[in-house]
């Protein structure tokens, strides 16, 4: 497990004012622990420059309705692709 934050994160924590921390309900130690947990959770995630894991997605029509066909990320190999994750509901 990671026990020390990168310098850029430590600087971000140091720069936060006491007022901002209070407004957000945070403490500096709590922020450090949160960042450490996030870094530990990301250890097995793909890193910048690594090949993305292959996965399958159901295709949608132009109105967002399912059409019953699927595609794989690997079918786009060598082509630019933008992946946007989030909720649009």
Protein backbone atom coordinates (compact mmCIF):
# COMPACT_ATOMS: atom_id res chain seq x y z
CA UNK A 1 0.00 0.00 0.00
CA UNK A 2 1.14 3.53 -0.77
CA UNK A 3 2.17 5.31 2.42
CA UNK A 4 3.30 8.67 1.06
CA UNK A 5 1.55 11.08 -1.28
CA UNK A 6 3.21 12.50 -4.36
CA UNK A 7 4.55 16.01 -3.81
CA UNK A 8 1.90 17.60 -6.04
CA UNK A 9 -0.89 16.27 -3.80
CA UNK A 10 0.88 17.30 -0.62
CA UNK A 11 1.23 20.81 -2.02
CA UNK A 12 -2.46 20.88 -2.94
CA UNK A 13 -3.39 19.94 0.63
CA UNK A 14 -0.99 22.51 2.11
CA UNK A 15 -2.39 25.31 -0.09
CA UNK A 16 -5.99 24.85 1.06
CA UNK A 17 -7.06 27.48 3.52
CA UNK A 18 -8.47 26.53 6.90
CA UNK A 19 -11.69 28.29 5.83
CA UNK A 20 -12.07 26.13 2.71
CA UNK A 21 -11.37 22.97 4.68
CA UNK A 22 -14.03 23.97 7.22
CA UNK A 23 -16.60 24.79 4.51
CA UNK A 24 -16.05 21.38 2.92
CA UNK A 25 -16.05 19.57 6.26
CA UNK A 26 -12.54 18.23 5.66
CA UNK A 27 -9.35 18.03 7.64
CA UNK A 28 -5.87 17.92 6.16
CA UNK A 29 -5.32 14.45 7.60
CA UNK A 30 -8.67 13.29 6.24
CA UNK A 31 -7.70 14.57 2.79
CA UNK A 32 -4.37 12.75 2.96
CA UNK A 33 -6.09 9.51 3.93
CA UNK A 34 -8.63 9.95 1.12
CA UNK A 35 -5.90 10.52 -1.47
CA UNK A 36 -3.90 7.55 -0.15
CA UNK A 37 -6.96 5.31 -0.46
CA UNK A 38 -7.68 6.54 -3.99
CA UNK A 39 -4.08 5.87 -5.04
CA UNK A 40 -4.19 2.39 -3.49
CA UNK A 41 -7.46 1.66 -5.31
CA UNK A 42 -5.92 2.75 -8.63
CA UNK A 43 -2.81 0.55 -8.44
CA UNK A 44 -4.32 -2.08 -10.76
CA UNK A 45 -5.99 0.46 -13.09
CA UNK A 46 -4.58 1.02 -16.57
CA UNK A 47 -1.99 3.77 -16.55
CA UNK A 48 -1.42 6.51 -19.11
CA UNK A 49 0.12 4.98 -22.22
CA UNK A 50 -0.97 1.42 -21.44
CA UNK A 51 -3.37 -0.51 -23.61
CA UNK A 52 -6.96 -0.26 -22.38
CA UNK A 53 -8.64 -3.52 -21.39
CA UNK A 54 -11.06 -4.84 -24.00
CA UNK A 55 -14.76 -4.72 -23.25
CA UNK A 56 -18.07 -5.09 -25.03
CA UNK A 57 -20.77 -2.41 -25.28
CA UNK A 58 -24.33 -2.53 -26.51
CA UNK A 59 -24.94 -0.13 -29.37
CA UNK A 60 -27.65 2.51 -29.24
CA UNK A 61 -29.55 4.30 -31.98
CA UNK A 62 -29.51 8.08 -32.41
CA UNK A 63 -32.28 8.37 -29.82
CA UNK A 64 -30.37 6.34 -27.23
CA UNK A 65 -32.47 3.20 -27.61
CA UNK A 66 -30.91 -0.26 -27.55
CA UNK A 67 -30.68 -1.91 -30.95
CA UNK A 68 -29.53 -5.38 -29.94
CA UNK A 69 -26.06 -5.28 -31.46
CA UNK A 70 -22.76 -5.03 -29.66
CA UNK A 71 -19.25 -3.83 -30.34
CA UNK A 72 -15.88 -4.38 -28.69
CA UNK A 73 -13.32 -1.73 -27.89
CA UNK A 74 -10.74 -3.86 -29.71
CA UNK A 75 -12.71 -3.36 -32.96
CA UNK A 76 -11.52 0.26 -32.88
CA UNK A 77 -7.84 -0.64 -32.60
CA UNK A 78 -5.70 1.92 -34.40
CA UNK A 79 -8.57 4.42 -34.64
CA UNK A 80 -9.16 7.41 -32.39
CA UNK A 81 -11.85 6.71 -29.80
CA UNK A 82 -13.22 8.83 -26.98
CA UNK A 83 -14.56 7.04 -23.92
CA UNK A 84 -16.88 9.03 -21.71
CA UNK A 85 -17.98 7.40 -18.47
CA UNK A 86 -20.77 8.83 -16.40
CA UNK A 87 -24.48 8.96 -15.89
CA UNK A 88 -26.71 10.65 -18.40
CA UNK A 89 -30.01 9.71 -16.82
